[in-house]
Amino acid sequence: MAEAPTNDHIVSYDNESLILVDSQDECIGYLDKAACHDNQGLLHRAFSLFLFNEKGEVLLQQRVANKRLWPLFWSNSCCSHPRQNESMQQAVSRRVWEELGVQSEMVYLYKFEYQATFQDQGSEHELCYVYIGRTETKPNINSHEINAWKWVSLQKLDQLLDGDPDSFTPWLKLEWQELKHRYSETIKSLIDTGRA
């Protein structure tokens, strides 16, 4: 097994080349990450991962304070983008290792398009692939990406979203509703057996 990344390892760059797509998920070009998030944002591929443990808890992370978009907001376990010439599966595996020091089998569930603007700082406009996975490994967080983390029960996440929705990223709120309503049995199977 590879050595877990240290907590001072920079893994995200404004000039990394992301994959621009149309609404049918056809690649139409490449552009640096910073420009993809300017103004209303340009549609690009992304992913979100929800990690669960055997106790039936989901891993949440709080984004670092120097993030351009939604700093210090709570979000799902890991989210990022595939880079130019990188498959989605490669991107998910790379990023969960870089951010959390975790290796897991990931299961793809669905993809969707959304757009959300954060104050005057820019926007997310993503064609986002949503994955779930299971791990028993304690996260070794990357402090350049994550300010804090916690395992919470699925019921507790619902309570947190009801009580303080403005502390969560917009994509987590959209994705969690979809996971609850369409994929609850898949998540239960993953928690109970390790297989979705």
Protein backbone atom coordinates (compact mmCIF):
# COMPACT_ATOMS: atom_id res chain seq x y z
CA MET A 1 0.00 0.00 0.00
CA ALA A 2 1.21 3.49 -0.81
CA GLU A 3 2.15 5.77 2.02
CA ALA A 4 -0.63 8.15 3.03
CA PRO A 5 -0.11 11.73 1.91
CA THR A 6 1.26 14.10 4.49
CA ASN A 7 -0.90 16.93 5.77
CA ASP A 8 1.13 19.57 3.93
CA HIS A 9 0.84 18.05 0.45
CA ILE A 10 -0.73 20.51 -2.04
CA VAL A 11 -3.02 18.61 -4.42
CA SER A 12 -5.15 21.30 -6.07
CA TYR A 13 -3.98 23.94 -8.56
CA ASP A 14 -5.78 26.82 -10.27
CA ASN A 15 -4.02 25.97 -13.54
CA GLU A 16 -4.95 22.27 -13.69
CA SER A 17 -6.77 21.51 -16.92
CA LEU A 18 -10.40 20.43 -16.44
CA ILE A 19 -12.72 18.79 -18.97
CA LEU A 20 -15.39 21.04 -20.50
CA VAL A 21 -18.57 19.22 -21.56
CA ASP A 22 -22.00 19.91 -23.00
CA SER A 23 -25.20 18.81 -21.25
CA GLN A 24 -24.93 15.38 -22.94
CA ASP A 25 -21.50 14.92 -21.29
CA GLU A 26 -19.61 15.17 -24.58
CA CYS A 27 -16.14 16.67 -24.20
CA ILE A 28 -15.93 20.06 -25.95
CA GLY A 29 -12.51 21.18 -24.76
CA TYR A 30 -10.30 21.89 -21.78
CA LEU A 31 -9.77 24.91 -19.55
CA ASP A 32 -7.87 25.73 -16.37
CA LYS A 33 -9.77 25.26 -13.12
CA ALA A 34 -9.80 28.94 -12.15
CA ALA A 35 -11.43 30.01 -15.42
CA CYS A 36 -13.99 27.19 -15.19
CA HIS A 37 -15.30 28.75 -11.98
CA ASP A 38 -15.35 32.43 -13.04
CA ASN A 39 -18.64 34.34 -13.25
CA GLN A 40 -21.50 31.85 -13.84
CA GLY A 41 -19.06 28.99 -14.47
CA LEU A 42 -18.47 26.84 -17.53
CA LEU A 43 -19.91 23.33 -17.54
CA HIS A 44 -17.21 20.78 -16.67
CA ARG A 45 -16.98 17.23 -15.36
CA ALA A 46 -16.81 16.66 -11.62
CA PHE A 47 -17.54 13.99 -9.04
CA SER A 48 -18.87 13.65 -5.50
CA LEU A 49 -18.18 10.71 -3.21
CA PHE A 50 -20.04 9.69 -0.05
CA LEU A 51 -18.09 7.29 2.18
CA PHE A 52 -19.90 5.14 4.75
CA ASN A 53 -18.67 2.90 7.57
CA GLU A 54 -20.01 -0.33 9.08
CA LYS A 55 -21.86 1.66 11.76
CA GLY A 56 -24.06 3.22 9.10
CA GLU A 57 -22.41 6.63 9.32
CA VAL A 58 -21.41 8.95 6.49
CA LEU A 59 -18.15 10.92 6.45
CA LEU A 60 -18.49 14.69 6.18
CA GLN A 61 -15.71 17.18 5.62
CA GLN A 62 -15.50 20.91 6.29
CA ARG A 63 -13.77 22.79 3.50
CA VAL A 64 -10.72 24.90 4.38
CA ALA A 65 -11.05 28.63 4.95
CA ASN A 66 -9.03 29.64 1.87
CA LYS A 67 -11.29 27.86 -0.63
CA ARG A 68 -12.53 30.30 -3.26
CA LEU A 69 -16.03 28.79 -3.24
CA TRP A 70 -17.95 27.79 -0.10
CA PRO A 71 -15.05 28.07 2.39
CA LEU A 72 -15.69 26.44 5.79
CA PHE A 73 -18.94 24.90 4.53
CA TRP A 74 -19.62 21.27 5.35
CA SER A 75 -19.74 18.90 2.41
CA ASN A 76 -19.70 15.24 1.45
CA SER A 77 -16.68 13.00 1.96
CA CYS A 78 -14.78 14.06 -1.16
CA CYS A 79 -15.48 16.03 -4.33
CA SER A 80 -13.28 17.23 -7.15
CA HIS A 81 -12.70 17.01 -10.92
CA PRO A 82 -11.06 14.65 -13.36
CA ARG A 83 -8.17 16.34 -15.12
CA GLN A 84 -7.41 16.29 -18.83
CA ASN A 85 -6.49 12.73 -19.93
CA GLU A 86 -7.74 11.24 -16.65
CA SER A 87 -10.71 8.87 -16.35
CA MET A 88 -13.38 9.48 -13.74
CA GLN A 89 -12.43 6.33 -11.85
CA GLN A 90 -8.79 7.41 -11.77
CA ALA A 91 -9.81 10.85 -10.53
CA VAL A 92 -12.00 9.55 -7.71
CA SER A 93 -9.34 7.10 -6.50
CA ARG A 94 -6.61 9.74 -6.72
CA ARG A 95 -8.52 12.43 -4.90
CA VAL A 96 -9.89 10.34 -2.03
CA TRP A 97 -6.33 9.22 -1.37
CA GLU A 98 -4.90 12.75 -1.64
CA GLU A 99 -7.54 14.33 0.61
CA LEU A 100 -8.37 11.57 3.10
CA GLY A 101 -5.57 8.99 2.89
CA VAL A 102 -8.25 6.35 2.24
CA GLN A 103 -8.57 3.61 -0.36
CA SER A 104 -12.02 2.24 -1.11
CA GLU A 105 -14.02 0.48 -3.75
CA MET A 106 -16.28 3.14 -5.23
CA VAL A 107 -19.68 2.51 -6.83
CA TYR A 108 -21.05 4.91 -9.44
CA LEU A 109 -24.74 5.78 -8.97
CA TYR A 110 -25.78 8.62 -11.29
CA LYS A 111 -24.78 11.97 -12.79
CA PHE A 112 -26.54 15.31 -12.94
CA GLU A 113 -25.97 18.90 -13.98
CA TYR A 114 -26.21 21.83 -11.57
CA GLN A 115 -25.14 25.45 -11.31
CA ALA A 116 -24.62 27.40 -8.07
CA THR A 117 -23.06 30.82 -7.47
CA PHE A 118 -21.17 31.79 -4.32
CA GLN A 119 -21.41 35.50 -3.50
CA ASP A 120 -19.24 37.39 -6.02
CA GLN A 121 -16.45 34.80 -5.99
CA GLY A 122 -17.60 32.59 -8.84
CA SER A 123 -19.72 29.53 -9.51
CA GLU A 124 -19.86 25.80 -9.81
CA HIS A 125 -21.39 24.60 -13.08
CA GLU A 126 -20.81 20.90 -13.13
CA LEU A 127 -21.83 17.66 -14.75
CA CYS A 128 -21.29 15.72 -11.55
CA TYR A 129 -20.87 11.95 -11.18
CA VAL A 130 -22.03 10.69 -7.79
CA TYR A 131 -20.32 7.72 -6.09
CA ILE A 132 -20.63 5.85 -2.82
CA GLY A 133 -18.03 3.74 -1.03
CA ARG A 134 -17.25 2.12 2.31
CA THR A 135 -14.17 2.35 4.49
CA GLU A 136 -13.09 1.42 7.99
CA THR A 137 -9.91 3.51 7.72
CA LYS A 138 -9.56 6.58 9.92
CA PRO A 139 -9.05 9.57 7.61
CA ASN A 140 -5.60 11.14 7.42
CA ILE A 141 -6.83 14.52 6.23
CA ASN A 142 -4.98 16.89 3.96
CA SER A 143 -4.99 20.25 5.76
CA HIS A 144 -4.76 22.14 2.46
CA GLU A 145 -8.21 20.82 1.56
CA ILE A 146 -10.03 19.91 4.78
CA ASN A 147 -10.50 21.95 7.95
CA ALA A 148 -12.37 19.28 9.94
CA TRP A 149 -14.19 15.99 9.47
CA LYS A 150 -16.73 13.83 11.28
CA TRP A 151 -18.72 10.63 10.94
CA VAL A 152 -22.47 11.20 11.40
CA SER A 153 -25.46 8.91 11.25
CA LEU A 154 -27.79 9.28 8.29
CA GLN A 155 -30.49 10.54 10.65
CA LYS A 156 -28.09 13.09 12.14
CA LEU A 157 -27.23 14.41 8.68
CA ASP A 158 -30.93 14.90 8.01
CA GLN A 159 -31.24 16.81 11.29
CA LEU A 160 -28.24 18.99 10.49
CA LEU A 161 -29.59 19.79 7.04
CA ASP A 162 -32.99 20.67 8.46
CA GLY A 163 -31.57 22.77 11.29
CA ASP A 164 -28.75 24.63 9.53
CA PRO A 165 -28.92 24.12 5.75
CA ASP A 166 -26.84 27.22 5.03
CA SER A 167 -23.73 25.60 6.51
CA PHE A 168 -23.67 22.93 3.78
CA THR A 169 -22.54 23.09 0.16
CA PRO A 170 -25.31 23.23 -2.44
CA TRP A 171 -24.21 20.03 -4.17
CA LEU A 172 -24.34 18.02 -0.95
CA LYS A 173 -27.95 19.11 -0.38
CA LEU A 174 -28.98 18.17 -3.92
CA GLU A 175 -27.16 14.85 -3.89
CA TRP A 176 -28.28 13.77 -0.43
CA GLN A 177 -31.95 14.16 -1.37
CA GLU A 178 -31.40 12.00 -4.44
CA LEU A 179 -29.46 9.37 -2.47
CA LYS A 180 -32.20 9.15 0.15
CA HIS A 181 -35.06 8.89 -2.30
CA ARG A 182 -33.57 6.70 -5.03
CA TYR A 183 -30.61 4.83 -3.54
CA SER A 184 -31.44 4.11 0.11
CA GLU A 185 -31.45 0.33 -0.46
CA THR A 186 -28.15 0.48 -2.30
CA ILE A 187 -26.60 2.41 0.59
CA LYS A 188 -28.05 -0.03 3.14
CA SER A 189 -26.56 -2.97 1.23
CA LEU A 190 -23.18 -1.25 1.11
CA ILE A 191 -23.24 -0.57 4.85
CA ASP A 192 -24.43 -4.09 5.74
CA THR A 193 -22.34 -6.17 3.35
CA GLY A 194 -19.65 -3.92 1.91
CA ARG A 195 -21.27 -4.33 -1.51
CA ALA A 196 -23.74 -2.05 -3.26
